[in-house]
Amino acid sequence: MRADPVGDNLQVASPEGFARFYRAHLPTVYGYLVRLAGGDRALAEDLCQDTWFALTRELERGRTDRADVRWLLTVARSRYLDHARRTALGRRRLRLAGAADSRAAPEESDVPDGLLSLVEQLDPAHRVVLLLRYVEDLPVPAVAEVIGRSLPATHSLLARARDELRVRSGGGPDA
């Protein structure tokens, strides 16, 4: 039996109506996200929460027409794709950071497997500066401000972090 979107739209503005709408459509939205996320339930839960939060923002603006499971699935898909793009971009940036020659961009096939797991093994200070610089894409002066160090000290820390990453990836200190 299909839910009546018009009836849902009219009643979803009340707390009771929203609760009914939520209970009725949560399994559909969550299940869709679990499938998109390849079974990663934690990711699906986070994206599902973002999706429902987007609906509440729209309802606060008086957009009760958004209380439609098709709209929710569209938002859920967008949230998943945004996450996938950010993850891919972060991995690409970490690969660049771990490249043997930081002056030249590596080919995908030249990048060691498991680089992300190597990053997790780094000294915490090294991990932080690499993530801020190459995943968050902060310029070095902004990284220095975030970690509370001078610009020269931050440059030095980044160099040591890249060296540690190269060593852990099997590239050696001078690679």
Protein backbone atom coordinates (compact mmCIF):
# COMPACT_ATOMS: atom_id res chain seq x y z
CA MET A 1 0.00 0.00 0.00
CA ARG A 2 1.42 3.34 -1.05
CA ALA A 3 1.43 6.33 1.31
CA ASP A 4 -0.64 9.32 0.26
CA PRO A 5 1.92 12.09 -0.35
CA VAL A 6 -0.73 14.82 -0.27
CA GLY A 7 -2.06 13.65 3.09
CA ASP A 8 1.47 13.28 4.43
CA ASN A 9 2.37 16.77 3.24
CA LEU A 10 -0.58 18.37 4.98
CA GLN A 11 0.04 16.67 8.31
CA VAL A 12 3.84 16.50 8.46
CA ALA A 13 4.13 20.04 9.85
CA SER A 14 2.79 18.87 13.22
CA PRO A 15 5.07 16.90 15.54
CA GLU A 16 2.71 13.92 15.50
CA GLY A 17 2.43 14.03 11.71
CA PHE A 18 6.18 14.24 11.32
CA ALA A 19 6.68 11.30 13.71
CA ARG A 20 4.22 9.19 11.65
CA PHE A 21 5.91 10.22 8.39
CA TYR A 22 9.34 9.45 9.86
CA ARG A 23 8.31 6.00 11.13
CA ALA A 24 6.67 5.18 7.81
CA HIS A 25 9.61 6.17 5.59
CA LEU A 26 12.73 5.69 7.72
CA PRO A 27 13.15 2.01 6.71
CA THR A 28 12.99 2.94 3.03
CA VAL A 29 15.52 5.78 3.27
CA TYR A 30 17.88 3.86 5.57
CA GLY A 31 17.67 0.68 3.50
CA TYR A 32 18.42 2.65 0.34
CA LEU A 33 21.49 4.21 1.96
CA VAL A 34 22.73 0.87 3.32
CA ARG A 35 22.63 -0.52 -0.23
CA LEU A 36 24.39 2.57 -1.64
CA ALA A 37 27.04 2.40 1.08
CA GLY A 38 27.77 -1.26 0.33
CA GLY A 39 26.48 -2.41 3.70
CA ASP A 40 28.34 0.20 5.76
CA ARG A 41 25.64 0.75 8.37
CA ALA A 42 27.51 3.50 10.24
CA LEU A 43 27.86 5.53 7.05
CA ALA A 44 24.22 4.85 6.16
CA GLU A 45 23.12 6.06 9.61
CA ASP A 46 25.12 9.29 9.28
CA LEU A 47 23.78 9.99 5.79
CA CYS A 48 20.25 9.10 6.84
CA GLN A 49 20.46 11.58 9.70
CA ASP A 50 21.69 14.27 7.27
CA THR A 51 18.80 13.47 4.93
CA TRP A 52 16.16 13.80 7.63
CA PHE A 53 17.80 16.95 8.91
CA ALA A 54 17.52 18.42 5.40
CA LEU A 55 13.80 17.66 5.49
CA THR A 56 13.35 19.38 8.85
CA ARG A 57 15.11 22.49 7.49
CA GLU A 58 12.75 22.50 4.51
CA LEU A 59 9.71 22.06 6.76
CA GLU A 60 10.86 24.97 8.93
CA ARG A 61 10.81 27.06 5.74
CA GLY A 62 7.23 25.99 5.12
CA ARG A 63 8.13 23.62 2.27
CA THR A 64 5.74 20.79 3.19
CA ASP A 65 5.89 19.60 -0.43
CA ARG A 66 9.32 18.18 0.46
CA ALA A 67 7.65 15.60 2.72
CA ASP A 68 7.75 13.00 0.00
CA VAL A 69 9.75 9.78 0.06
CA ARG A 70 10.94 10.44 -3.50
CA TRP A 71 12.44 13.77 -2.39
CA LEU A 72 14.06 12.05 0.59
CA LEU A 73 15.63 9.39 -1.65
CA THR A 74 16.95 12.09 -3.98
CA VAL A 75 18.53 13.91 -1.04
CA ALA A 76 19.90 10.63 0.33
CA ARG A 77 21.52 9.84 -3.01
CA SER A 78 23.03 13.34 -3.18
CA ARG A 79 24.41 13.00 0.35
CA TYR A 80 25.98 9.65 -0.55
CA LEU A 81 27.51 11.00 -3.77
CA ASP A 82 28.90 14.04 -1.93
CA HIS A 83 30.46 11.70 0.63
CA ALA A 84 31.93 9.49 -2.10
CA ARG A 85 33.42 12.51 -3.89
CA ARG A 86 34.97 13.86 -0.68
CA THR A 87 36.39 10.45 0.14
CA ALA A 88 37.86 10.01 -3.35
CA LEU A 89 39.32 13.52 -3.26
CA GLY A 90 40.83 12.90 0.16
CA ARG A 91 42.39 9.64 -1.03
CA ARG A 92 43.78 11.35 -4.12
CA ARG A 93 45.33 14.08 -2.00
CA LEU A 94 46.84 11.57 0.39
CA ARG A 95 48.29 9.65 -2.55
CA LEU A 96 49.89 12.84 -3.76
CA ALA A 97 51.31 13.47 -0.30
CA GLY A 98 52.75 9.97 -0.16
CA ALA A 99 54.24 10.07 -3.64
CA ALA A 100 57.96 9.39 -3.75
CA ASP A 101 58.61 12.63 -5.63
CA SER A 102 56.32 15.31 -4.23
CA ARG A 103 57.09 17.56 -7.21
CA ALA A 104 55.42 15.23 -9.71
CA ALA A 105 51.89 13.83 -9.53
CA PRO A 106 51.92 10.03 -9.35
CA GLU A 107 49.96 7.80 -11.64
CA GLU A 108 47.28 5.82 -9.85
CA SER A 109 49.22 2.61 -10.52
CA ASP A 110 52.38 4.08 -8.90
CA VAL A 111 50.64 4.70 -5.57
CA PRO A 112 51.24 2.07 -2.88
CA ASP A 113 48.20 0.09 -1.76
CA GLY A 114 46.97 0.73 1.75
CA LEU A 115 48.16 4.33 1.97
CA LEU A 116 45.18 5.31 4.09
CA SER A 117 45.93 2.57 6.60
CA LEU A 118 49.53 3.84 6.70
CA VAL A 119 48.28 7.32 7.56
CA GLU A 120 46.50 5.86 10.58
CA GLN A 121 49.85 4.51 11.82
CA LEU A 122 51.66 7.86 11.61
CA ASP A 123 52.71 9.89 14.61
CA PRO A 124 49.56 11.81 15.64
CA ALA A 125 51.10 15.21 14.91
CA HIS A 126 52.17 14.03 11.45
CA ARG A 127 48.75 12.55 10.75
CA VAL A 128 47.02 15.79 11.73
CA VAL A 129 49.14 18.05 9.53
CA LEU A 130 48.85 15.73 6.53
CA LEU A 131 45.08 15.51 6.88
CA LEU A 132 44.69 19.26 7.35
CA ARG A 133 46.94 20.04 4.41
CA TYR A 134 46.02 17.36 1.87
CA VAL A 135 42.51 16.24 2.80
CA GLU A 136 41.04 19.45 4.18
CA ASP A 137 43.11 21.36 1.58
CA LEU A 138 44.13 24.06 4.02
CA PRO A 139 47.05 26.23 2.98
CA VAL A 140 50.14 25.82 5.15
CA PRO A 141 49.60 29.15 7.00
CA ALA A 142 46.09 28.00 7.97
CA VAL A 143 47.46 24.63 9.12
CA ALA A 144 50.01 26.52 11.26
CA GLU A 145 47.22 28.55 12.83
CA VAL A 146 45.08 25.48 13.54
CA ILE A 147 47.90 23.57 15.23
CA GLY A 148 49.31 26.63 16.97
CA ARG A 149 52.78 26.58 15.46
CA SER A 150 54.86 29.05 13.51
CA LEU A 151 54.91 28.83 9.74
CA PRO A 152 58.52 27.53 9.58
CA ALA A 153 57.77 24.93 12.26
CA THR A 154 54.68 23.81 10.32
CA HIS A 155 56.66 23.48 7.08
CA SER A 156 59.19 21.39 8.94
CA LEU A 157 56.49 19.22 10.52
CA LEU A 158 54.87 18.65 7.11
CA ALA A 159 58.22 17.63 5.63
CA ARG A 160 58.80 15.15 8.48
CA ALA A 161 55.24 13.83 8.09
CA ARG A 162 55.72 13.26 4.35
CA ASP A 163 59.06 11.55 5.07
CA GLU A 164 57.46 9.25 7.65
CA LEU A 165 54.68 8.41 5.21
CA ARG A 166 57.20 7.61 2.46
CA VAL A 167 59.23 5.42 4.82
CA ARG A 168 56.13 3.53 5.97
CA SER A 169 55.03 3.03 2.36
CA GLY A 170 58.37 1.42 1.55
CA GLY A 171 59.72 4.39 -0.40
CA GLY A 172 62.61 5.03 1.97
CA PRO A 173 63.66 8.39 3.39
CA ASP A 174 65.33 9.62 0.18
CA ALA A 175 62.83 8.23 -2.32
